Amino acid sequence: MSVVRTALSLIGFGFTIYQAFEKLHRTGVMEHSESPRNFGLTLITIGVILLLGGIINHARFGLELRGLRSAMASAGLVYADTPYPVSVTFICALLLLMAGLAAAASILFNFALFG
């Protein structure tokens, strides 16, 4: 959960920095600079990389628990070989990964996500 929280913060903050400075440029308050774009994109990229690592770690841990549960069922230590459920955190992390990639793509290719 801490990986998801930190990745969400990085992705959200990076996109917000980019959007805020882009609005300032459009209104003529400041001249165009690549620095806010690059900094925002860097934060988003760090968030996506962190999230990928967390997803991989979570998937490995889930597979390990499933294997342990099967081994315990084979040894007669548990009575039923019920499947280990897919976690909501894993699903949320995948959705956040897609949102982070979409945010990075919108900055890189200069298109609006939602209008």
PDB file of N, CA and C in Angstrom:
ATOM      1  N   MET A   1       0.820  -1.197   0.000  1.00  0.00           N
ATOM      2  CA  MET A   1       0.000   0.000   0.000  1.00  0.00           C
ATOM      3  C   MET A   1       0.866   1.264   0.000  1.00  0.00           C
ATOM      4  N   SER A   2       2.001   1.242   0.652  1.00  0.00           N
ATOM      5  CA  SER A   2       2.830   2.443   0.695  1.00  0.00           C
ATOM      6  C   SER A   2       3.406   2.763  -0.681  1.00  0.00           C
ATOM      7  N   VAL A   3       3.678   1.738  -1.478  1.00  0.00           N
ATOM      8  CA  VAL A   3       4.174   1.969  -2.831  1.00  0.00           C
ATOM      9  C   VAL A   3       3.104   2.649  -3.672  1.00  0.00           C
ATOM     10  N   VAL A   4       1.863   2.209  -3.539  1.00  0.00           N
ATOM     11  CA  VAL A   4       0.764   2.808  -4.292  1.00  0.00           C
ATOM     12  C   VAL A   4       0.573   4.261  -3.868  1.00  0.00           C
ATOM     13  N   ARG A   5       0.625   4.515  -2.578  1.00  0.00           N
ATOM     14  CA  ARG A   5       0.455   5.880  -2.083  1.00  0.00           C
ATOM     15  C   ARG A   5       1.550   6.800  -2.599  1.00  0.00           C
ATOM     16  N   THR A   6       2.796   6.342  -2.518  1.00  0.00           N
ATOM     17  CA  THR A   6       3.918   7.163  -2.961  1.00  0.00           C
ATOM     18  C   THR A   6       3.881   7.370  -4.468  1.00  0.00           C
ATOM     19  N   ALA A   7       3.581   6.324  -5.228  1.00  0.00           N
ATOM     20  CA  ALA A   7       3.502   6.448  -6.686  1.00  0.00           C
ATOM     21  C   ALA A   7       2.378   7.396  -7.084  1.00  0.00           C
ATOM     22  N   LEU A   8       1.239   7.302  -6.407  1.00  0.00           N
ATOM     23  CA  LEU A   8       0.127   8.209  -6.696  1.00  0.00           C
ATOM     24  C   LEU A   8       0.525   9.652  -6.438  1.00  0.00           C
ATOM     25  N   SER A   9       1.231   9.882  -5.350  1.00  0.00           N
ATOM     26  CA  SER A   9       1.689  11.241  -5.035  1.00  0.00           C
ATOM     27  C   SER A   9       2.640  11.764  -6.098  1.00  0.00           C
ATOM     28  N   LEU A  10       3.596  10.953  -6.503  1.00  0.00           N
ATOM     29  CA  LEU A  10       4.562  11.377  -7.509  1.00  0.00           C
ATOM     30  C   LEU A  10       3.893  11.649  -8.855  1.00  0.00           C
ATOM     31  N   ILE A  11       3.023  10.746  -9.291  1.00  0.00           N
ATOM     32  CA  ILE A  11       2.347  10.916 -10.574  1.00  0.00           C
ATOM     33  C   ILE A  11       1.434  12.140 -10.529  1.00  0.00           C
ATOM     34  N   GLY A  12       0.658  12.262  -9.470  1.00  0.00           N
ATOM     35  CA  GLY A  12      -0.259  13.398  -9.349  1.00  0.00           C
ATOM     36  C   GLY A  12       0.468  14.722  -9.253  1.00  0.00           C
ATOM     37  N   PHE A  13       1.539  14.769  -8.475  1.00  0.00           N
ATOM     38  CA  PHE A  13       2.292  16.010  -8.307  1.00  0.00           C
ATOM     39  C   PHE A  13       3.005  16.389  -9.605  1.00  0.00           C
ATOM     40  N   GLY A  14       3.559  15.401 -10.293  1.00  0.00           N
ATOM     41  CA  GLY A  14       4.236  15.670 -11.556  1.00  0.00           C
ATOM     42  C   GLY A  14       3.284  16.221 -12.604  1.00  0.00           C
ATOM     43  N   PHE A  15       2.101  15.634 -12.697  1.00  0.00           N
ATOM     44  CA  PHE A  15       1.125  16.104 -13.671  1.00  0.00           C
ATOM     45  C   PHE A  15       0.605  17.487 -13.295  1.00  0.00           C
ATOM     46  N   THR A  16       0.423  17.728 -12.005  1.00  0.00           N
ATOM     47  CA  THR A  16      -0.049  19.038 -11.540  1.00  0.00           C
ATOM     48  C   THR A  16       0.972  20.134 -11.828  1.00  0.00           C
ATOM     49  N   ILE A  17       2.236  19.867 -11.590  1.00  0.00           N
ATOM     50  CA  ILE A  17       3.280  20.853 -11.883  1.00  0.00           C
ATOM     51  C   ILE A  17       3.256  21.203 -13.372  1.00  0.00           C
ATOM     52  N   TYR A  18       3.189  20.197 -14.197  1.00  0.00           N
ATOM     53  CA  TYR A  18       3.163  20.441 -15.636  1.00  0.00           C
ATOM     54  C   TYR A  18       1.945  21.277 -16.020  1.00  0.00           C
ATOM     55  N   GLN A  19       0.769  20.891 -15.533  1.00  0.00           N
ATOM     56  CA  GLN A  19      -0.460  21.606 -15.885  1.00  0.00           C
ATOM     57  C   GLN A  19      -0.453  23.045 -15.382  1.00  0.00           C
ATOM     58  N   ALA A  20       0.023  23.265 -14.164  1.00  0.00           N
ATOM     59  CA  ALA A  20       0.036  24.617 -13.594  1.00  0.00           C
ATOM     60  C   ALA A  20       0.922  25.549 -14.421  1.00  0.00           C
ATOM     61  N   PHE A  21       2.108  25.103 -14.745  1.00  0.00           N
ATOM     62  CA  PHE A  21       3.000  25.951 -15.521  1.00  0.00           C
ATOM     63  C   PHE A  21       2.542  26.094 -16.971  1.00  0.00           C
ATOM     64  N   GLU A  22       1.880  25.095 -17.492  1.00  0.00           N
ATOM     65  CA  GLU A  22       1.331  25.202 -18.849  1.00  0.00           C
ATOM     66  C   GLU A  22       0.220  26.250 -18.889  1.00  0.00           C
ATOM     67  N   LYS A  23      -0.622  26.285 -17.861  1.00  0.00           N
ATOM     68  CA  LYS A  23      -1.681  27.309 -17.783  1.00  0.00           C
ATOM     69  C   LYS A  23      -1.076  28.704 -17.644  1.00  0.00           C
ATOM     70  N   LEU A  24      -0.015  28.842 -16.856  1.00  0.00           N
ATOM     71  CA  LEU A  24       0.655  30.132 -16.717  1.00  0.00           C
ATOM     72  C   LEU A  24       1.238  30.593 -18.057  1.00  0.00           C
ATOM     73  N   HIS A  25       1.757  29.659 -18.815  1.00  0.00           N
ATOM     74  CA  HIS A  25       2.292  30.007 -20.134  1.00  0.00           C
ATOM     75  C   HIS A  25       1.168  30.440 -21.078  1.00  0.00           C
ATOM     76  N   ARG A  26       0.058  29.728 -21.062  1.00  0.00           N
ATOM     77  CA  ARG A  26      -1.068  30.062 -21.955  1.00  0.00           C
ATOM     78  C   ARG A  26      -1.665  31.424 -21.647  1.00  0.00           C
ATOM     79  N   THR A  27      -1.676  31.808 -20.382  1.00  0.00           N
ATOM     80  CA  THR A  27      -2.234  33.117 -20.016  1.00  0.00           C
ATOM     81  C   THR A  27      -1.228  34.243 -20.193  1.00  0.00           C
ATOM     82  N   GLY A  28       0.006  33.910 -20.532  1.00  0.00           N
ATOM     83  CA  GLY A  28       1.013  34.927 -20.779  1.00  0.00           C
ATOM     84  C   GLY A  28       1.714  35.424 -19.540  1.00  0.00           C
ATOM     85  N   VAL A  29       1.516  34.780 -18.416  1.00  0.00           N
ATOM     86  CA  VAL A  29       2.162  35.194 -17.167  1.00  0.00           C
ATOM     87  C   VAL A  29       3.660  34.902 -17.218  1.00  0.00           C
ATOM     88  N   MET A  30       4.028  33.820 -17.858  1.00  0.00           N
ATOM     89  CA  MET A  30       5.447  33.472 -17.955  1.00  0.00           C
ATOM     90  C   MET A  30       5.765  32.973 -19.350  1.00  0.00           C
ATOM     91  N   GLU A  31       7.033  33.095 -19.694  1.00  0.00           N
ATOM     92  CA  GLU A  31       7.490  32.583 -20.975  1.00  0.00           C
ATOM     93  C   GLU A  31       7.572  31.072 -20.912  1.00  0.00           C
ATOM     94  N   HIS A  32       7.520  30.465 -22.075  1.00  0.00           N
ATOM     95  CA  HIS A  32       7.565  29.005 -22.130  1.00  0.00           C
ATOM     96  C   HIS A  32       8.949  28.498 -21.729  1.00  0.00           C
ATOM     97  N   SER A  33       8.940  27.511 -20.888  1.00  0.00           N
ATOM     98  CA  SER A  33      10.175  26.882 -20.439  1.00  0.00           C
ATOM     99  C   SER A  33       9.965  25.376 -20.428  1.00  0.00           C
ATOM    100  N   GLU A  34      10.978  24.662 -20.793  1.00  0.00           N
ATOM    101  CA  GLU A  34      10.906  23.194 -20.795  1.00  0.00           C
ATOM    102  C   GLU A  34      11.119  22.605 -19.404  1.00  0.00           C
ATOM    103  N   SER A  35      11.610  23.401 -18.470  1.00  0.00           N
ATOM    104  CA  SER A  35      11.929  22.883 -17.131  1.00  0.00           C
ATOM    105  C   SER A  35      10.717  22.291 -16.407  1.00  0.00           C
ATOM    106  N   PRO A  36       9.564  22.997 -16.326  1.00  0.00           N
ATOM    107  CA  PRO A  36       8.414  22.393 -15.643  1.00  0.00           C
ATOM    108  C   PRO A  36       7.934  21.105 -16.320  1.00  0.00           C
ATOM    109  N   ARG A  37       7.984  21.086 -17.652  1.00  0.00           N
ATOM    110  CA  ARG A  37       7.579  19.888 -18.395  1.00  0.00           C
ATOM    111  C   ARG A  37       8.516  18.740 -18.046  1.00  0.00           C
ATOM    112  N   ASN A  38       9.809  18.994 -18.078  1.00  0.00           N
ATOM    113  CA  ASN A  38      10.782  17.937 -17.793  1.00  0.00           C
ATOM    114  C   ASN A  38      10.705  17.467 -16.340  1.00  0.00           C
ATOM    115  N   PHE A  39      10.523  18.412 -15.407  1.00  0.00           N
ATOM    116  CA  PHE A  39      10.421  18.038 -14.004  1.00  0.00           C
ATOM    117  C   PHE A  39       9.149  17.227 -13.746  1.00  0.00           C
ATOM    118  N   GLY A  40       8.030  17.671 -14.306  1.00  0.00           N
ATOM    119  CA  GLY A  40       6.780  16.926 -14.151  1.00  0.00           C
ATOM    120  C   GLY A  40       6.875  15.536 -14.743  1.00  0.00           C
ATOM    121  N   LEU A  41       7.466  15.441 -15.925  1.00  0.00           N
ATOM    122  CA  LEU A  41       7.631  14.142 -16.579  1.00  0.00           C
ATOM    123  C   LEU A  41       8.570  13.238 -15.794  1.00  0.00           C
ATOM    124  N   THR A  42       9.594  13.820 -15.178  1.00  0.00           N
ATOM    125  CA  THR A  42      10.509  13.040 -14.349  1.00  0.00           C
ATOM    126  C   THR A  42       9.796  12.471 -13.130  1.00  0.00           C
ATOM    127  N   LEU A  43       8.979  13.291 -12.466  1.00  0.00           N
ATOM    128  CA  LEU A  43       8.222  12.799 -11.302  1.00  0.00           C
ATOM    129  C   LEU A  43       7.259  11.682 -11.710  1.00  0.00           C
ATOM    130  N   ILE A  44       6.584  11.853 -12.836  1.00  0.00           N
ATOM    131  CA  ILE A  44       5.662  10.819 -13.312  1.00  0.00           C
ATOM    132  C   ILE A  44       6.424   9.535 -13.621  1.00  0.00           C
ATOM    133  N   THR A  45       7.566   9.653 -14.265  1.00  0.00           N
ATOM    134  CA  THR A  45       8.371   8.476 -14.611  1.00  0.00           C
ATOM    135  C   THR A  45       8.854   7.746 -13.359  1.00  0.00           C
ATOM    136  N   ILE A  46       9.304   8.489 -12.368  1.00  0.00           N
ATOM    137  CA  ILE A  46       9.727   7.864 -11.107  1.00  0.00           C
ATOM    138  C   ILE A  46       8.545   7.143 -10.451  1.00  0.00           C
ATOM    139  N   GLY A  47       7.366   7.786 -10.466  1.00  0.00           N
ATOM    140  CA  GLY A  47       6.173   7.152  -9.902  1.00  0.00           C
ATOM    141  C   GLY A  47       5.797   5.872 -10.626  1.00  0.00           C
ATOM    142  N   VAL A  48       5.880   5.878 -11.957  1.00  0.00           N
ATOM    143  CA  VAL A  48       5.545   4.683 -12.738  1.00  0.00           C
ATOM    144  C   VAL A  48       6.558   3.570 -12.481  1.00  0.00           C
ATOM    145  N   ILE A  49       7.841   3.911 -12.425  1.00  0.00           N
ATOM    146  CA  ILE A  49       8.869   2.896 -12.147  1.00  0.00           C
ATOM    147  C   ILE A  49       8.686   2.308 -10.746  1.00  0.00           C
ATOM    148  N   LEU A  50       8.418   3.156  -9.775  1.00  0.00           N
ATOM    149  CA  LEU A  50       8.160   2.693  -8.412  1.00  0.00           C
ATOM    150  C   LEU A  50       6.943   1.773  -8.378  1.00  0.00           C
ATOM    151  N   LEU A  51       5.918   2.154  -9.092  1.00  0.00           N
ATOM    152  CA  LEU A  51       4.697   1.350  -9.131  1.00  0.00           C
ATOM    153  C   LEU A  51       4.936   0.009  -9.812  1.00  0.00           C
ATOM    154  N   LEU A  52       5.707  -0.012 -10.882  1.00  0.00           N
ATOM    155  CA  LEU A  52       6.044  -1.281 -11.539  1.00  0.00           C
ATOM    156  C   LEU A  52       6.785  -2.218 -10.579  1.00  0.00           C
ATOM    157  N   GLY A  53       7.736  -1.668  -9.831  1.00  0.00           N
ATOM    158  CA  GLY A  53       8.444  -2.477  -8.846  1.00  0.00           C
ATOM    159  C   GLY A  53       7.511  -3.016  -7.777  1.00  0.00           C
ATOM    160  N   GLY A  54       6.585  -2.177  -7.318  1.00  0.00           N
ATOM    161  CA  GLY A  54       5.624  -2.627  -6.313  1.00  0.00           C
ATOM    162  C   GLY A  54       4.684  -3.702  -6.845  1.00  0.00           C
ATOM    163  N   ILE A  55       4.257  -3.554  -8.097  1.00  0.00           N
ATOM    164  CA  ILE A  55       3.372  -4.556  -8.708  1.00  0.00           C
ATOM    165  C   ILE A  55       4.097  -5.891  -8.834  1.00  0.00           C
ATOM    166  N   ILE A  56       5.336  -5.848  -9.287  1.00  0.00           N
ATOM    167  CA  ILE A  56       6.122  -7.088  -9.420  1.00  0.00           C
ATOM    168  C   ILE A  56       6.327  -7.742  -8.059  1.00  0.00           C
ATOM    169  N   ASN A  57       6.670  -6.951  -7.050  1.00  0.00           N
ATOM    170  CA  ASN A  57       6.868  -7.477  -5.705  1.00  0.00           C
ATOM    171  C   ASN A  57       5.575  -8.084  -5.156  1.00  0.00           C
ATOM    172  N   HIS A  58       4.468  -7.394  -5.362  1.00  0.00           N
ATOM    173  CA  HIS A  58       3.174  -7.877  -4.872  1.00  0.00           C
ATOM    174  C   HIS A  58       2.776  -9.181  -5.580  1.00  0.00           C
ATOM    175  N   ALA A  59       3.011  -9.247  -6.890  1.00  0.00           N
ATOM    176  CA  ALA A  59       2.672 -10.464  -7.637  1.00  0.00           C
ATOM    177  C   ALA A  59       3.521 -11.640  -7.167  1.00  0.00           C
ATOM    178  N   ARG A  60       4.810 -11.412  -6.953  1.00  0.00           N
ATOM    179  CA  ARG A  60       5.678 -12.482  -6.445  1.00  0.00           C
ATOM    180  C   ARG A  60       5.222 -12.971  -5.075  1.00  0.00           C
ATOM    181  N   PHE A  61       4.864 -12.029  -4.209  1.00  0.00           N
ATOM    182  CA  PHE A  61       4.415 -12.390  -2.867  1.00  0.00           C
ATOM    183  C   PHE A  61       3.114 -13.194  -2.942  1.00  0.00           C
ATOM    184  N   GLY A  62       2.186 -12.782  -3.797  1.00  0.00           N
ATOM    185  CA  GLY A  62       0.924 -13.510  -3.962  1.00  0.00           C
ATOM    186  C   GLY A  62       1.147 -14.928  -4.471  1.00  0.00           C
ATOM    187  N   LEU A  63       2.060 -15.070  -5.439  1.00  0.00           N
ATOM    188  CA  LEU A  63       2.366 -16.408  -5.955  1.00  0.00           C
ATOM    189  C   LEU A  63       3.019 -17.274  -4.884  1.00  0.00           C
ATOM    190  N   GLU A  64       3.874 -16.668  -4.071  1.00  0.00           N
ATOM    191  CA  GLU A  64       4.500 -17.405  -2.981  1.00  0.00           C
ATOM    192  C   GLU A  64       3.458 -17.875  -1.958  1.00  0.00           C
ATOM    193  N   LEU A  65       2.506 -17.010  -1.633  1.00  0.00           N
ATOM    194  CA  LEU A  65       1.445 -17.401  -0.702  1.00  0.00           C
ATOM    195  C   LEU A  65       0.570 -18.505  -1.273  1.00  0.00           C
ATOM    196  N   ARG A  66       0.279 -18.421  -2.568  1.00  0.00           N
ATOM    197  CA  ARG A  66      -0.513 -19.480  -3.201  1.00  0.00           C
ATOM    198  C   ARG A  66       0.215 -20.824  -3.138  1.00  0.00           C
ATOM    199  N   GLY A  67       1.517 -20.794  -3.417  1.00  0.00           N
ATOM    200  CA  GLY A  67       2.314 -22.019  -3.349  1.00  0.00           C
ATOM    201  C   GLY A  67       2.385 -22.573  -1.938  1.00  0.00           C
ATOM    202  N   LEU A  68       2.539 -21.703  -0.968  1.00  0.00           N
ATOM    203  CA  LEU A  68       2.584 -22.123   0.425  1.00  0.00           C
ATOM    204  C   LEU A  68       1.254 -22.746   0.850  1.00  0.00           C
ATOM    205  N   ARG A  69       0.176 -22.150   0.415  1.00  0.00           N
ATOM    206  CA  ARG A  69      -1.162 -22.674   0.753  1.00  0.00           C
ATOM    207  C   ARG A  69      -1.354 -24.064   0.135  1.00  0.00           C
ATOM    208  N   SER A  70      -0.907 -24.236  -1.104  1.00  0.00           N
ATOM    209  CA  SER A  70      -1.023 -25.558  -1.748  1.00  0.00           C
ATOM    210  C   SER A  70      -0.171 -26.596  -1.029  1.00  0.00           C
ATOM    211  N   ALA A  71       1.039 -26.197  -0.638  1.00  0.00           N
ATOM    212  CA  ALA A  71       1.918 -27.127   0.079  1.00  0.00           C
ATOM    213  C   ALA A  71       1.322 -27.511   1.423  1.00  0.00           C
ATOM    214  N   MET A  72       0.709 -26.543   2.101  1.00  0.00           N
ATOM    215  CA  MET A  72       0.080 -26.832   3.392  1.00  0.00           C
ATOM    216  C   MET A  72      -1.126 -27.753   3.214  1.00  0.00           C
ATOM    217  N   ALA A  73      -1.859 -27.575   2.128  1.00  0.00           N
ATOM    218  CA  ALA A  73      -3.007 -28.454   1.862  1.00  0.00           C
ATOM    219  C   ALA A  73      -2.527 -29.866   1.553  1.00  0.00           C
ATOM    220  N   SER A  74      -1.437 -29.982   0.797  1.00  0.00           N
ATOM    221  CA  SER A  74      -0.878 -31.305   0.479  1.00  0.00           C
ATOM    222  C   SER A  74      -0.381 -32.024   1.730  1.00  0.00           C
ATOM    223  N   ALA A  75       0.148 -31.255   2.675  1.00  0.00           N
ATOM    224  CA  ALA A  75       0.666 -31.844   3.913  1.00  0.00           C
ATOM    225  C   ALA A  75      -0.438 -32.098   4.937  1.00  0.00           C
ATOM    226  N   GLY A  76      -1.651 -31.696   4.632  1.00  0.00           N
ATOM    227  CA  GLY A  76      -2.767 -31.909   5.546  1.00  0.00           C
ATOM    228  C   GLY A  76      -2.835 -30.896   6.669  1.00  0.00           C
ATOM    229  N   LEU A  77      -2.129 -29.786   6.547  1.00  0.00           N
ATOM    230  CA  LEU A  77      -2.139 -28.778   7.596  1.00  0.00           C
ATOM    231  C   LEU A  77      -3.354 -27.848   7.486  1.00  0.00           C
ATOM    232  N   VAL A  78      -3.898 -27.720   6.312  1.00  0.00           N
ATOM    233  CA  VAL A  78      -5.160 -27.001   6.114  1.00  0.00           C
ATOM    234  C   VAL A  78      -6.088 -27.957   5.387  1.00  0.00           C
ATOM    235  N   TYR A  79      -7.377 -27.783   5.589  1.00  0.00           N
ATOM    236  CA  TYR A  79      -8.330 -28.769   5.087  1.00  0.00           C
ATOM    237  C   TYR A  79      -8.789 -28.514   3.660  1.00  0.00           C
ATOM    238  N   ALA A  80      -8.705 -27.300   3.214  1.00  0.00           N
ATOM    239  CA  ALA A  80      -9.190 -27.016   1.873  1.00  0.00           C
ATOM    240  C   ALA A  80      -8.122 -26.243   1.107  1.00  0.00           C
ATOM    241  N   ASP A  81      -8.026 -26.521  -0.155  1.00  0.00           N
ATOM    242  CA  ASP A  81      -7.084 -25.813  -1.010  1.00  0.00           C
ATOM    243  C   ASP A  81      -7.819 -24.659  -1.702  1.00  0.00           C
ATOM    244  N   THR A  82      -8.267 -23.716  -0.880  1.00  0.00           N
ATOM    245  CA  THR A  82      -8.974 -22.566  -1.440  1.00  0.00           C
ATOM    246  C   THR A  82      -7.965 -21.650  -2.116  1.00  0.00           C
ATOM    247  N   PRO A  83      -8.368 -21.043  -3.214  1.00  0.00           N
ATOM    248  CA  PRO A  83      -7.431 -20.166  -3.916  1.00  0.00           C
ATOM    249  C   PRO A  83      -7.182 -18.878  -3.144  1.00  0.00           C
ATOM    250  N   TYR A  84      -5.974 -18.381  -3.266  1.00  0.00           N
ATOM    251  CA  TYR A  84      -5.631 -17.102  -2.655  1.00  0.00           C
ATOM    252  C   TYR A  84      -6.245 -16.015  -3.540  1.00  0.00           C
ATOM    253  N   PRO A  85      -7.054 -15.126  -2.980  1.00  0.00           N
ATOM    254  CA  PRO A  85      -7.774 -14.166  -3.827  1.00  0.00           C
ATOM    255  C   PRO A  85      -6.860 -13.082  -4.404  1.00  0.00           C
ATOM    256  N   VAL A  86      -7.282 -12.540  -5.530  1.00  0.00           N
ATOM    257  CA  VAL A  86      -6.581 -11.398  -6.111  1.00  0.00           C
ATOM    258  C   VAL A  86      -6.879 -10.195  -5.230  1.00  0.00           C
ATOM    259  N   SER A  87      -5.852  -9.426  -4.898  1.00  0.00           N
ATOM    260  CA  SER A  87      -6.056  -8.320  -3.974  1.00  0.00           C
ATOM    261  C   SER A  87      -6.560  -7.075  -4.693  1.00  0.00           C
ATOM    262  N   VAL A  88      -7.328  -6.301  -3.964  1.00  0.00           N
ATOM    263  CA  VAL A  88      -7.844  -5.041  -4.486  1.00  0.00           C
ATOM    264  C   VAL A  88      -6.688  -4.066  -4.706  1.00  0.00           C
ATOM    265  N   THR A  89      -5.679  -4.140  -3.865  1.00  0.00           N
ATOM    266  CA  THR A  89      -4.506  -3.289  -4.011  1.00  0.00           C
ATOM    267  C   THR A  89      -3.817  -3.529  -5.344  1.00  0.00           C
ATOM    268  N   PHE A  90      -3.726  -4.785  -5.751  1.00  0.00           N
ATOM    269  CA  PHE A  90      -3.106  -5.129  -7.022  1.00  0.00           C
ATOM    270  C   PHE A  90      -3.891  -4.535  -8.189  1.00  0.00           C
ATOM    271  N   ILE A  91      -5.201  -4.631  -8.126  1.00  0.00           N
ATOM    272  CA  ILE A  91      -6.054  -4.073  -9.186  1.00  0.00           C
ATOM    273  C   ILE A  91      -5.924  -2.552  -9.232  1.00  0.00           C
ATOM    274  N   CYS A  92      -5.940  -1.917  -8.072  1.00  0.00           N
ATOM    275  CA  CYS A  92      -5.770  -0.453  -8.011  1.00  0.00           C
ATOM    276  C   CYS A  92      -4.408  -0.032  -8.547  1.00  0.00           C
ATOM    277  N   ALA A  93      -3.377  -0.802  -8.229  1.00  0.00           N
ATOM    278  CA  ALA A  93      -2.030  -0.483  -8.713  1.00  0.00           C
ATOM    279  C   ALA A  93      -1.970  -0.575 -10.233  1.00  0.00           C
ATOM    280  N   LEU A  94      -2.615  -1.570 -10.805  1.00  0.00           N
ATOM    281  CA  LEU A  94      -2.645  -1.689 -12.267  1.00  0.00           C
ATOM    282  C   LEU A  94      -3.387  -0.517 -12.908  1.00  0.00           C
ATOM    283  N   LEU A  95      -4.505  -0.120 -12.309  1.00  0.00           N
ATOM    284  CA  LEU A  95      -5.251   1.028 -12.835  1.00  0.00           C
ATOM    285  C   LEU A  95      -4.435   2.318 -12.710  1.00  0.00           C
ATOM    286  N   LEU A  96      -3.744   2.485 -11.595  1.00  0.00           N
ATOM    287  CA  LEU A  96      -2.898   3.661 -11.409  1.00  0.00           C
ATOM    288  C   LEU A  96      -1.735   3.654 -12.395  1.00  0.00           C
ATOM    289  N   LEU A  97      -1.204   2.481 -12.689  1.00  0.00           N
ATOM    290  CA  LEU A  97      -0.139   2.377 -13.682  1.00  0.00           C
ATOM    291  C   LEU A  97      -0.626   2.863 -15.043  1.00  0.00           C
ATOM    292  N   MET A  98      -1.825   2.462 -15.423  1.00  0.00           N
ATOM    293  CA  MET A  98      -2.391   2.926 -16.699  1.00  0.00           C
ATOM    294  C   MET A  98      -2.600   4.434 -16.691  1.00  0.00           C
ATOM    295  N   ALA A  99      -3.061   4.981 -15.565  1.00  0.00           N
ATOM    296  CA  ALA A  99      -3.256   6.427 -15.465  1.00  0.00           C
ATOM    297  C   ALA A  99      -1.921   7.163 -15.542  1.00  0.00           C
ATOM    298  N   GLY A 100      -0.896   6.629 -14.906  1.00  0.00           N
ATOM    299  CA  GLY A 100       0.427   7.241 -14.961  1.00  0.00           C
ATOM    300  C   GLY A 100       1.007   7.222 -16.363  1.00  0.00           C
ATOM    301  N   LEU A 101       0.841   6.102 -17.055  1.00  0.00           N
ATOM    302  CA  LEU A 101       1.316   6.028 -18.431  1.00  0.00           C
ATOM    303  C   LEU A 101       0.545   6.978 -19.339  1.00  0.00           C
ATOM    304  N   ALA A 102      -0.757   7.114 -19.098  1.00  0.00           N
ATOM    305  CA  ALA A 102      -1.565   8.049 -19.888  1.00  0.00           C
ATOM    306  C   ALA A 102      -1.139   9.493 -19.621  1.00  0.00           C
ATOM    307  N   ALA A 103      -0.836   9.820 -18.367  1.00  0.00           N
ATOM    308  CA  ALA A 103      -0.380  11.175 -18.026  1.00  0.00           C
ATOM    309  C   ALA A 103       0.955  11.471 -18.700  1.00  0.00           C
ATOM    310  N   ALA A 104       1.870  10.507 -18.673  1.00  0.00           N
ATOM    311  CA  ALA A 104       3.169  10.704 -19.327  1.00  0.00           C
ATOM    312  C   ALA A 104       3.001  10.861 -20.832  1.00  0.00           C
ATOM    313  N   ALA A 105       2.127  10.052 -21.419  1.00  0.00           N
ATOM    314  CA  ALA A 105       1.891  10.153 -22.859  1.00  0.00           C
ATOM    315  C   ALA A 105       1.271  11.490 -23.229  1.00  0.00           C
ATOM    316  N   SER A 106       0.372  11.995 -22.394  1.00  0.00           N
ATOM    317  CA  SER A 106      -0.261  13.280 -22.706  1.00  0.00           C
ATOM    318  C   SER A 106       0.744  14.423 -22.656  1.00  0.00           C
ATOM    319  N   ILE A 107       1.734  14.324 -21.769  1.00  0.00           N
ATOM    320  CA  ILE A 107       2.777  15.350 -21.701  1.00  0.00           C
ATOM    321  C   ILE A 107       3.737  15.202 -22.884  1.00  0.00           C
ATOM    322  N   LEU A 108       4.145  13.973 -23.158  1.00  0.00           N
ATOM    323  CA  LEU A 108       5.101  13.752 -24.241  1.00  0.00           C
ATOM    324  C   LEU A 108       4.539  14.115 -25.611  1.00  0.00           C
ATOM    325  N   PHE A 109       3.286  13.746 -25.850  1.00  0.00           N
ATOM    326  CA  PHE A 109       2.695  13.946 -27.171  1.00  0.00           C
ATOM    327  C   PHE A 109       1.749  15.119 -27.237  1.00  0.00           C
ATOM    328  N   ASN A 110       1.653  15.885 -26.144  1.00  0.00           N
ATOM    329  CA  ASN A 110       0.898  17.138 -26.077  1.00  0.00           C
ATOM    330  C   ASN A 110      -0.560  16.979 -26.522  1.00  0.00           C
ATOM    331  N   PHE A 111      -1.284  16.099 -25.839  1.00  0.00           N
ATOM    332  CA  PHE A 111      -2.723  15.965 -26.076  1.00  0.00           C
ATOM    333  C   PHE A 111      -3.450  15.946 -24.749  1.00  0.00           C
ATOM    334  N   ALA A 112      -4.717  16.338 -24.782  1.00  0.00           N
ATOM    335  CA  ALA A 112      -5.522  16.399 -23.553  1.00  0.00           C
ATOM    336  C   ALA A 112      -6.154  15.034 -23.309  1.00  0.00           C
ATOM    337  N   LEU A 113      -6.106  14.603 -22.042  1.00  0.00           N
ATOM    338  CA  LEU A 113      -6.691  13.308 -21.696  1.00  0.00           C
ATOM    339  C   LEU A 113      -8.222  13.352 -21.692  1.00  0.00           C
ATOM    340  N   PHE A 114      -8.779  14.341 -21.080  1.00  0.00           N
ATOM    341  CA  PHE A 114     -10.224  14.385 -20.893  1.00  0.00           C
ATOM    342  C   PHE A 114     -10.840  15.655 -21.465  1.00  0.00           C
ATOM    343  N   GLY A 115     -10.418  16.016 -22.626  1.00  0.00           N
ATOM    344  CA  GLY A 115     -11.058  17.160 -23.277  1.00  0.00           C
ATOM    345  C   GLY A 115     -10.241  18.318 -23.371  1.00  0.00           C
TER     346      GLY A 115
END
